[in-house]
Amino acid sequence: MARGAKTLLQINQKQGIDCPGCAWPEPDGKRSHFEFCEEGAKHVADEATRKRVSPEFFTRWSVPELAAQSDLWLNQQGRITHPMVLWEGAQHYEPIQWNDAFALIAQELNSLGSPDEAIFYTSGRTSNEAAFLYQLFVRQFGTNNLPTAPTCAMNPAARG
């Protein structure tokens, strides 16, 4: 809890860190230590969790069992520790080596008739730097099919 509180007090501060969840305005002048939104606080808590989801978790839980769980329950299990794959016809995700995961992704992308057949996605919890690099990859691949994830209440698209 102390780690999370310390991180929240650094969000959107001069010489601090940007909120990982949105583009909260950063005006000049005196700043408050409480310039973060509910979504930003949730993102910090999610990122700071020490809970981990290992391959053993996916051996225990089948895809239908996971699909029956709430988003809240799934999120509370923790962060995934290994790349995972769901083979056609399988009921459980299986661990896959990073090189094999990247090769599988490359094979799928290169098998498309056009780059525009692919749609890429990134979470609203992605850092600005990671999202920037990802969109560069998508553009280099040859498409603009990268919709944004409107998770923050400050984002007009999230409000409808």
N, C-alpha and C. Protein backbone atom coordinates (compact mmCIF):
# COMPACT_ATOMS: atom_id res chain seq x y z
N MET A 1 0.82 -1.19 0.00
CA MET A 1 0.00 0.00 0.00
C MET A 1 0.86 1.25 0.00
N ALA A 2 1.96 1.22 0.72
CA ALA A 2 2.86 2.37 0.78
C ALA A 2 3.46 2.65 -0.59
N ARG A 3 3.79 1.59 -1.35
CA ARG A 3 4.34 1.79 -2.70
C ARG A 3 3.35 2.52 -3.58
N GLY A 4 2.07 2.12 -3.51
CA GLY A 4 1.04 2.75 -4.32
C GLY A 4 0.82 4.20 -3.94
N ALA A 5 0.76 4.49 -2.65
CA ALA A 5 0.57 5.87 -2.19
C ALA A 5 1.74 6.74 -2.62
N LYS A 6 2.94 6.23 -2.50
CA LYS A 6 4.13 6.99 -2.90
C LYS A 6 4.08 7.29 -4.40
N THR A 7 3.68 6.31 -5.19
CA THR A 7 3.59 6.51 -6.63
C THR A 7 2.50 7.52 -6.97
N LEU A 8 1.33 7.41 -6.34
CA LEU A 8 0.25 8.36 -6.61
C LEU A 8 0.68 9.80 -6.34
N LEU A 9 1.47 10.02 -5.29
CA LEU A 9 1.92 11.36 -4.95
C LEU A 9 2.93 11.91 -5.95
N GLN A 10 3.46 11.05 -6.83
CA GLN A 10 4.42 11.49 -7.85
C GLN A 10 3.76 11.73 -9.21
N ILE A 11 2.52 11.27 -9.37
CA ILE A 11 1.85 11.38 -10.66
C ILE A 11 1.55 12.83 -10.99
N ASN A 12 1.85 13.20 -12.24
CA ASN A 12 1.55 14.51 -12.79
C ASN A 12 2.16 15.65 -11.99
N GLN A 13 3.30 15.40 -11.38
CA GLN A 13 4.01 16.42 -10.64
C GLN A 13 5.22 16.89 -11.45
N LYS A 14 5.62 18.13 -11.22
CA LYS A 14 6.86 18.60 -11.84
C LYS A 14 7.97 17.66 -11.40
N GLN A 15 8.78 17.25 -12.32
CA GLN A 15 9.87 16.30 -12.06
C GLN A 15 9.35 14.95 -11.59
N GLY A 16 8.07 14.67 -11.81
CA GLY A 16 7.48 13.40 -11.41
C GLY A 16 7.21 12.52 -12.61
N ILE A 17 6.18 11.70 -12.53
CA ILE A 17 5.84 10.79 -13.62
C ILE A 17 4.46 11.14 -14.16
N ASP A 18 4.24 10.84 -15.45
CA ASP A 18 2.94 11.04 -16.04
C ASP A 18 2.03 9.89 -15.66
N CYS A 19 0.76 10.19 -15.53
CA CYS A 19 -0.23 9.16 -15.25
C CYS A 19 -0.21 8.14 -16.38
N PRO A 20 -0.15 6.83 -16.07
CA PRO A 20 -0.12 5.84 -17.13
C PRO A 20 -1.47 5.62 -17.80
N GLY A 21 -2.52 6.29 -17.32
CA GLY A 21 -3.85 6.01 -17.84
C GLY A 21 -4.44 7.06 -18.74
N CYS A 22 -3.89 8.28 -18.75
CA CYS A 22 -4.53 9.29 -19.57
C CYS A 22 -3.58 10.45 -19.81
N ALA A 23 -4.11 11.44 -20.52
CA ALA A 23 -3.34 12.65 -20.80
C ALA A 23 -3.86 13.78 -19.94
N TRP A 24 -3.90 13.59 -18.63
CA TRP A 24 -4.38 14.60 -17.70
C TRP A 24 -3.59 15.88 -17.94
N PRO A 25 -4.24 17.03 -17.98
CA PRO A 25 -3.53 18.27 -18.27
C PRO A 25 -2.47 18.56 -17.23
N GLU A 26 -1.40 19.16 -17.69
CA GLU A 26 -0.31 19.51 -16.81
C GLU A 26 -0.05 21.01 -16.91
N PRO A 27 -0.86 21.83 -16.20
CA PRO A 27 -0.71 23.27 -16.31
C PRO A 27 0.57 23.75 -15.63
N ASP A 28 1.02 24.92 -16.07
CA ASP A 28 2.18 25.54 -15.41
C ASP A 28 1.75 26.05 -14.05
N GLY A 29 2.70 26.32 -13.20
CA GLY A 29 2.39 26.88 -11.90
C GLY A 29 2.36 25.85 -10.81
N LYS A 30 1.76 26.24 -9.68
CA LYS A 30 1.71 25.37 -8.50
C LYS A 30 0.84 24.14 -8.79
N ARG A 31 1.33 23.00 -8.36
CA ARG A 31 0.64 21.74 -8.60
C ARG A 31 0.15 21.16 -7.29
N SER A 32 -0.94 20.43 -7.36
CA SER A 32 -1.46 19.73 -6.19
C SER A 32 -0.92 18.31 -6.20
N HIS A 33 -0.74 17.72 -5.03
CA HIS A 33 -0.31 16.33 -4.95
C HIS A 33 -1.45 15.38 -5.29
N PHE A 34 -2.64 15.91 -5.50
CA PHE A 34 -3.80 15.07 -5.77
C PHE A 34 -4.34 15.28 -7.18
N GLU A 35 -3.44 15.45 -8.15
CA GLU A 35 -3.84 15.61 -9.54
C GLU A 35 -3.82 14.28 -10.26
N PHE A 36 -4.70 13.42 -9.85
CA PHE A 36 -4.87 12.15 -10.55
C PHE A 36 -6.34 11.78 -10.49
N CYS A 37 -6.75 11.06 -11.50
CA CYS A 37 -8.16 10.67 -11.58
C CYS A 37 -8.33 9.25 -11.04
N GLU A 38 -9.57 8.83 -10.93
CA GLU A 38 -9.86 7.49 -10.43
C GLU A 38 -9.22 6.43 -11.32
N GLU A 39 -9.29 6.62 -12.63
CA GLU A 39 -8.70 5.64 -13.55
C GLU A 39 -7.18 5.58 -13.36
N GLY A 40 -6.56 6.74 -13.19
CA GLY A 40 -5.12 6.76 -12.96
C GLY A 40 -4.74 6.02 -11.70
N ALA A 41 -5.53 6.21 -10.64
CA ALA A 41 -5.27 5.50 -9.38
C ALA A 41 -5.42 3.99 -9.57
N LYS A 42 -6.43 3.57 -10.34
CA LYS A 42 -6.60 2.14 -10.61
C LYS A 42 -5.41 1.59 -11.38
N HIS A 43 -4.94 2.36 -12.37
CA HIS A 43 -3.80 1.90 -13.17
C HIS A 43 -2.55 1.74 -12.31
N VAL A 44 -2.32 2.70 -11.43
CA VAL A 44 -1.16 2.60 -10.54
C VAL A 44 -1.27 1.36 -9.67
N ALA A 45 -2.45 1.12 -9.11
CA ALA A 45 -2.64 -0.07 -8.27
C ALA A 45 -2.41 -1.34 -9.07
N ASP A 46 -2.92 -1.38 -10.30
CA ASP A 46 -2.73 -2.56 -11.14
C ASP A 46 -1.25 -2.78 -11.46
N GLU A 47 -0.55 -1.71 -11.79
CA GLU A 47 0.86 -1.83 -12.15
C GLU A 47 1.72 -2.19 -10.94
N ALA A 48 1.32 -1.74 -9.77
CA ALA A 48 2.13 -1.96 -8.57
C ALA A 48 1.87 -3.31 -7.91
N THR A 49 0.88 -4.06 -8.39
CA THR A 49 0.56 -5.32 -7.72
C THR A 49 1.75 -6.28 -7.77
N ARG A 50 1.88 -7.03 -6.72
CA ARG A 50 2.91 -8.08 -6.68
C ARG A 50 2.32 -9.43 -7.04
N LYS A 51 1.02 -9.46 -7.32
CA LYS A 51 0.37 -10.71 -7.71
C LYS A 51 0.82 -11.08 -9.12
N ARG A 52 1.07 -12.37 -9.33
CA ARG A 52 1.53 -12.84 -10.64
C ARG A 52 0.69 -14.03 -11.09
N VAL A 53 0.47 -14.07 -12.39
CA VAL A 53 -0.26 -15.17 -13.02
C VAL A 53 0.76 -15.96 -13.83
N SER A 54 1.12 -17.13 -13.34
CA SER A 54 2.13 -17.97 -13.98
C SER A 54 1.45 -18.98 -14.91
N PRO A 55 2.21 -19.71 -15.70
CA PRO A 55 1.61 -20.74 -16.56
C PRO A 55 0.76 -21.75 -15.79
N GLU A 56 1.08 -22.00 -14.53
CA GLU A 56 0.29 -22.94 -13.73
C GLU A 56 -1.16 -22.47 -13.57
N PHE A 57 -1.35 -21.18 -13.53
CA PHE A 57 -2.70 -20.62 -13.44
C PHE A 57 -3.54 -21.07 -14.64
N PHE A 58 -2.93 -21.02 -15.82
CA PHE A 58 -3.65 -21.38 -17.04
C PHE A 58 -3.82 -22.89 -17.18
N THR A 59 -3.01 -23.67 -16.50
CA THR A 59 -3.22 -25.11 -16.44
C THR A 59 -4.46 -25.40 -15.59
N ARG A 60 -4.62 -24.64 -14.53
CA ARG A 60 -5.76 -24.82 -13.61
C ARG A 60 -7.08 -24.34 -14.21
N TRP A 61 -7.06 -23.20 -14.93
CA TRP A 61 -8.28 -22.56 -15.42
C TRP A 61 -8.39 -22.71 -16.93
N SER A 62 -9.49 -23.28 -17.40
CA SER A 62 -9.74 -23.41 -18.84
C SER A 62 -10.28 -22.10 -19.39
N VAL A 63 -10.29 -21.96 -20.69
CA VAL A 63 -10.83 -20.75 -21.33
C VAL A 63 -12.31 -20.56 -20.98
N PRO A 64 -13.15 -21.59 -21.05
CA PRO A 64 -14.55 -21.39 -20.65
C PRO A 64 -14.69 -20.95 -19.18
N GLU A 65 -13.86 -21.50 -18.30
CA GLU A 65 -13.91 -21.10 -16.90
C GLU A 65 -13.48 -19.64 -16.72
N LEU A 66 -12.46 -19.25 -17.44
CA LEU A 66 -12.00 -17.85 -17.38
C LEU A 66 -13.05 -16.91 -17.96
N ALA A 67 -13.70 -17.33 -19.04
CA ALA A 67 -14.72 -16.50 -19.68
C ALA A 67 -15.92 -16.28 -18.76
N ALA A 68 -16.14 -17.18 -17.83
CA ALA A 68 -17.26 -17.06 -16.90
C ALA A 68 -16.96 -16.11 -15.74
N GLN A 69 -15.70 -15.71 -15.59
CA GLN A 69 -15.30 -14.82 -14.49
C GLN A 69 -15.54 -13.35 -14.88
N SER A 70 -15.67 -12.51 -13.90
CA SER A 70 -15.84 -11.08 -14.15
C SER A 70 -14.50 -10.45 -14.52
N ASP A 71 -14.57 -9.30 -15.17
CA ASP A 71 -13.35 -8.56 -15.49
C ASP A 71 -12.59 -8.20 -14.22
N LEU A 72 -13.32 -7.83 -13.19
CA LEU A 72 -12.69 -7.50 -11.91
C LEU A 72 -11.92 -8.69 -11.36
N TRP A 73 -12.53 -9.87 -11.35
CA TRP A 73 -11.86 -11.07 -10.84
C TRP A 73 -10.61 -11.36 -11.66
N LEU A 74 -10.73 -11.31 -12.98
CA LEU A 74 -9.58 -11.58 -13.85
C LEU A 74 -8.44 -10.61 -13.56
N ASN A 75 -8.76 -9.33 -13.44
CA ASN A 75 -7.73 -8.33 -13.17
C ASN A 75 -7.08 -8.55 -11.81
N GLN A 76 -7.83 -9.00 -10.83
CA GLN A 76 -7.30 -9.19 -9.49
C GLN A 76 -6.36 -10.39 -9.38
N GLN A 77 -6.27 -11.20 -10.40
CA GLN A 77 -5.38 -12.37 -10.33
C GLN A 77 -3.92 -11.95 -10.45
N GLY A 78 -3.64 -10.85 -11.10
CA GLY A 78 -2.27 -10.35 -11.19
C GLY A 78 -1.80 -10.23 -12.62
N ARG A 79 -0.51 -10.01 -12.75
CA ARG A 79 0.11 -9.78 -14.05
C ARG A 79 0.64 -11.09 -14.62
N ILE A 80 0.47 -11.26 -15.91
CA ILE A 80 0.93 -12.48 -16.59
C ILE A 80 2.45 -12.46 -16.67
N THR A 81 3.07 -13.59 -16.33
CA THR A 81 4.53 -13.64 -16.24
C THR A 81 5.22 -14.19 -17.49
N HIS A 82 4.45 -14.86 -18.37
CA HIS A 82 5.04 -15.50 -19.54
C HIS A 82 4.14 -15.28 -20.75
N PRO A 83 4.72 -15.28 -21.95
CA PRO A 83 3.85 -15.26 -23.14
C PRO A 83 3.06 -16.57 -23.19
N MET A 84 1.81 -16.47 -23.59
CA MET A 84 0.93 -17.63 -23.61
C MET A 84 0.27 -17.72 -24.99
N VAL A 85 -0.12 -18.93 -25.37
CA VAL A 85 -0.78 -19.15 -26.65
C VAL A 85 -1.95 -20.09 -26.43
N LEU A 86 -3.00 -19.87 -27.20
CA LEU A 86 -4.15 -20.77 -27.20
C LEU A 86 -4.19 -21.42 -28.57
N TRP A 87 -3.77 -22.68 -28.63
CA TRP A 87 -3.75 -23.40 -29.90
C TRP A 87 -5.17 -23.74 -30.33
N GLU A 88 -5.38 -23.81 -31.61
CA GLU A 88 -6.70 -24.12 -32.15
C GLU A 88 -7.23 -25.42 -31.55
N GLY A 89 -8.46 -25.37 -31.05
CA GLY A 89 -9.11 -26.53 -30.45
C GLY A 89 -8.77 -26.77 -28.99
N ALA A 90 -7.83 -26.02 -28.45
CA ALA A 90 -7.41 -26.21 -27.05
C ALA A 90 -8.37 -25.50 -26.10
N GLN A 91 -8.40 -25.96 -24.86
CA GLN A 91 -9.22 -25.35 -23.82
C GLN A 91 -8.37 -24.58 -22.79
N HIS A 92 -7.05 -24.70 -22.90
CA HIS A 92 -6.14 -24.04 -21.95
C HIS A 92 -5.05 -23.32 -22.72
N TYR A 93 -4.71 -22.12 -22.22
CA TYR A 93 -3.54 -21.43 -22.74
C TYR A 93 -2.30 -22.21 -22.32
N GLU A 94 -1.27 -22.15 -23.16
CA GLU A 94 -0.01 -22.82 -22.86
C GLU A 94 1.13 -21.82 -22.97
N PRO A 95 2.18 -22.00 -22.17
CA PRO A 95 3.33 -21.09 -22.28
C PRO A 95 4.04 -21.29 -23.62
N ILE A 96 4.62 -20.22 -24.10
CA ILE A 96 5.37 -20.26 -25.35
C ILE A 96 6.61 -19.38 -25.14
N GLN A 97 7.72 -19.75 -25.72
CA GLN A 97 8.94 -18.96 -25.61
C GLN A 97 8.77 -17.65 -26.38
N TRP A 98 9.45 -16.59 -25.93
CA TRP A 98 9.32 -15.29 -26.58
C TRP A 98 9.64 -15.37 -28.07
N ASN A 99 10.75 -16.02 -28.43
CA ASN A 99 11.12 -16.10 -29.85
C ASN A 99 10.04 -16.80 -30.66
N ASP A 100 9.46 -17.85 -30.09
CA ASP A 100 8.38 -18.57 -30.78
C ASP A 100 7.12 -17.72 -30.88
N ALA A 101 6.83 -16.93 -29.84
CA ALA A 101 5.67 -16.05 -29.87
C ALA A 101 5.83 -14.99 -30.97
N PHE A 102 7.00 -14.38 -31.04
CA PHE A 102 7.24 -13.37 -32.08
C PHE A 102 7.20 -14.01 -33.46
N ALA A 103 7.74 -15.21 -33.61
CA ALA A 103 7.69 -15.90 -34.91
C ALA A 103 6.25 -16.21 -35.31
N LEU A 104 5.43 -16.62 -34.36
CA LEU A 104 4.03 -16.91 -34.62
C LEU A 104 3.28 -15.65 -35.06
N ILE A 105 3.53 -14.55 -34.38
CA ILE A 105 2.90 -13.27 -34.74
C ILE A 105 3.35 -12.85 -36.14
N ALA A 106 4.66 -12.95 -36.41
CA ALA A 106 5.17 -12.57 -37.73
C ALA A 106 4.56 -13.44 -38.82
N GLN A 107 4.44 -14.73 -38.57
CA GLN A 107 3.84 -15.65 -39.55
C GLN A 107 2.40 -15.23 -39.86
N GLU A 108 1.63 -14.94 -38.82
CA GLU A 108 0.23 -14.53 -39.01
C GLU A 108 0.14 -13.21 -39.77
N LEU A 109 0.95 -12.24 -39.37
CA LEU A 109 0.90 -10.94 -40.04
C LEU A 109 1.35 -11.03 -41.50
N ASN A 110 2.39 -11.81 -41.74
CA ASN A 110 2.92 -11.93 -43.11
C ASN A 110 2.01 -12.76 -44.01
N SER A 111 1.08 -13.51 -43.42
CA SER A 111 0.17 -14.31 -44.24
C SER A 111 -1.03 -13.50 -44.74
N LEU A 112 -1.19 -12.30 -44.25
CA LEU A 112 -2.32 -11.47 -44.65
C LEU A 112 -2.15 -10.98 -46.10
N GLY A 113 -3.27 -10.81 -46.78
CA GLY A 113 -3.23 -10.30 -48.15
C GLY A 113 -2.88 -8.83 -48.20
N SER A 114 -3.17 -8.10 -47.14
CA SER A 114 -2.91 -6.66 -47.05
C SER A 114 -2.71 -6.30 -45.59
N PRO A 115 -1.82 -5.33 -45.31
CA PRO A 115 -1.67 -4.89 -43.92
C PRO A 115 -2.97 -4.39 -43.31
N ASP A 116 -3.88 -3.87 -44.14
CA ASP A 116 -5.15 -3.36 -43.63
C ASP A 116 -6.09 -4.46 -43.14
N GLU A 117 -5.75 -5.73 -43.36
CA GLU A 117 -6.53 -6.83 -42.79
C GLU A 117 -6.24 -7.01 -41.30
N ALA A 118 -5.19 -6.39 -40.80
CA ALA A 118 -4.82 -6.49 -39.39
C ALA A 118 -5.40 -5.30 -38.63
N ILE A 119 -5.80 -5.56 -37.41
CA ILE A 119 -6.21 -4.49 -36.50
C ILE A 119 -5.39 -4.67 -35.23
N PHE A 120 -4.72 -3.62 -34.83
CA PHE A 120 -3.87 -3.66 -33.65
C PHE A 120 -4.58 -2.95 -32.50
N TYR A 121 -4.22 -3.30 -31.30
CA TYR A 121 -4.87 -2.73 -30.12
C TYR A 121 -3.82 -2.52 -29.04
N THR A 122 -4.00 -1.47 -28.30
CA THR A 122 -3.17 -1.24 -27.13
C THR A 122 -4.06 -0.77 -25.99
N SER A 123 -3.70 -1.09 -24.80
CA SER A 123 -4.49 -0.74 -23.62
C SER A 123 -4.29 0.72 -23.25
N GLY A 124 -5.29 1.28 -22.62
CA GLY A 124 -5.17 2.62 -22.07
C GLY A 124 -4.15 2.67 -20.94
N ARG A 125 -3.72 1.52 -20.46
CA ARG A 125 -2.72 1.46 -19.40
C ARG A 125 -1.30 1.43 -19.95
N THR A 126 -1.18 1.45 -21.28
CA THR A 126 0.13 1.46 -21.90
C THR A 126 0.78 2.82 -21.69
N SER A 127 2.06 2.84 -21.40
CA SER A 127 2.75 4.12 -21.24
C SER A 127 2.78 4.86 -22.58
N ASN A 128 2.93 6.17 -22.52
CA ASN A 128 3.00 6.96 -23.75
C ASN A 128 4.14 6.49 -24.64
N GLU A 129 5.27 6.17 -24.04
CA GLU A 129 6.44 5.75 -24.81
C GLU A 129 6.18 4.42 -25.52
N ALA A 130 5.61 3.46 -24.80
CA ALA A 130 5.32 2.16 -25.41
C ALA A 130 4.27 2.30 -26.50
N ALA A 131 3.24 3.11 -26.25
CA ALA A 131 2.19 3.32 -27.26
C ALA A 131 2.77 3.98 -28.51
N PHE A 132 3.68 4.92 -28.33
CA PHE A 132 4.32 5.60 -29.46
C PHE A 132 5.11 4.60 -30.31
N LEU A 133 5.91 3.76 -29.65
CA LEU A 133 6.69 2.77 -30.39
C LEU A 133 5.79 1.76 -31.10
N TYR A 134 4.71 1.38 -30.44
CA TYR A 134 3.78 0.42 -31.03
C TYR A 134 3.12 1.00 -32.28
N GLN A 135 2.69 2.28 -32.20
CA GLN A 135 2.07 2.88 -33.37
C GLN A 135 3.09 3.05 -34.50
N LEU A 136 4.36 3.27 -34.17
CA LEU A 136 5.39 3.31 -35.22
C LEU A 136 5.49 1.96 -35.92
N PHE A 137 5.47 0.87 -35.14
CA PHE A 137 5.49 -0.47 -35.72
C PHE A 137 4.29 -0.68 -36.64
N VAL A 138 3.10 -0.31 -36.16
CA VAL A 138 1.88 -0.50 -36.95
C VAL A 138 1.96 0.28 -38.25
N ARG A 139 2.43 1.53 -38.19
CA ARG A 139 2.55 2.36 -39.40
C ARG A 139 3.60 1.75 -40.34
N GLN A 140 4.71 1.28 -39.78
CA GLN A 140 5.75 0.66 -40.61
C GLN A 140 5.22 -0.62 -41.26
N PHE A 141 4.36 -1.34 -40.56
CA PHE A 141 3.75 -2.54 -41.12
C PHE A 141 2.87 -2.18 -42.31
N GLY A 142 2.34 -0.96 -42.31
CA GLY A 142 1.61 -0.48 -43.48
C GLY A 142 0.14 -0.20 -43.27
N THR A 143 -0.28 0.01 -42.03
CA THR A 143 -1.70 0.29 -41.79
C THR A 143 -1.84 1.35 -40.70
N ASN A 144 -3.01 1.93 -40.64
CA ASN A 144 -3.36 2.85 -39.56
C ASN A 144 -4.42 2.24 -38.65
N ASN A 145 -4.62 0.94 -38.73
CA ASN A 145 -5.65 0.25 -37.94
C ASN A 145 -5.19 0.06 -36.50
N LEU A 146 -5.14 1.16 -35.78
CA LEU A 146 -4.75 1.15 -34.37
C LEU A 146 -5.70 2.07 -33.61
N PRO A 147 -6.91 1.58 -33.28
CA PRO A 147 -7.84 2.42 -32.54
C PRO A 147 -7.32 2.68 -31.13
N THR A 148 -7.74 3.79 -30.56
CA THR A 148 -7.32 4.10 -29.20
C THR A 148 -8.22 3.40 -28.21
N ALA A 149 -7.74 3.29 -27.00
CA ALA A 149 -8.50 2.65 -25.91
C ALA A 149 -8.98 3.74 -24.98
N PRO A 150 -10.22 4.19 -25.12
CA PRO A 150 -10.72 5.30 -24.30
C PRO A 150 -11.10 4.85 -22.89
N THR A 151 -10.12 4.69 -22.01
CA THR A 151 -10.43 4.19 -20.67
C THR A 151 -10.59 5.29 -19.65
N CYS A 152 -10.05 6.45 -19.93
CA CYS A 152 -10.08 7.51 -18.93
C CYS A 152 -11.35 8.33 -19.05
N ALA A 153 -11.92 8.67 -17.93
CA ALA A 153 -13.14 9.47 -17.94
C ALA A 153 -12.89 10.86 -18.50
N MET A 154 -11.64 11.30 -18.52
CA MET A 154 -11.31 12.59 -19.09
C MET A 154 -11.33 12.56 -20.61
N ASN A 155 -11.29 11.37 -21.19
CA ASN A 155 -11.29 11.23 -22.64
C ASN A 155 -12.72 11.39 -23.15
N PRO A 156 -12.97 12.37 -24.03
CA PRO A 156 -14.34 12.58 -24.52
C PRO A 156 -14.94 11.32 -25.16
N ALA A 157 -14.12 10.50 -25.80
CA ALA A 157 -14.64 9.29 -26.44
C ALA A 157 -15.16 8.31 -25.39
N ALA A 158 -14.59 8.33 -24.20
CA ALA A 158 -15.03 7.41 -23.15
C ALA A 158 -16.38 7.83 -22.56
N ARG A 159 -16.70 9.10 -22.71
CA ARG A 159 -17.96 9.60 -22.14
C ARG A 159 -19.11 9.44 -23.12
N GLY A 160 -18.83 9.01 -24.35
CA GLY A 160 -19.89 8.80 -25.33
C GLY A 160 -20.12 10.05 -26.07
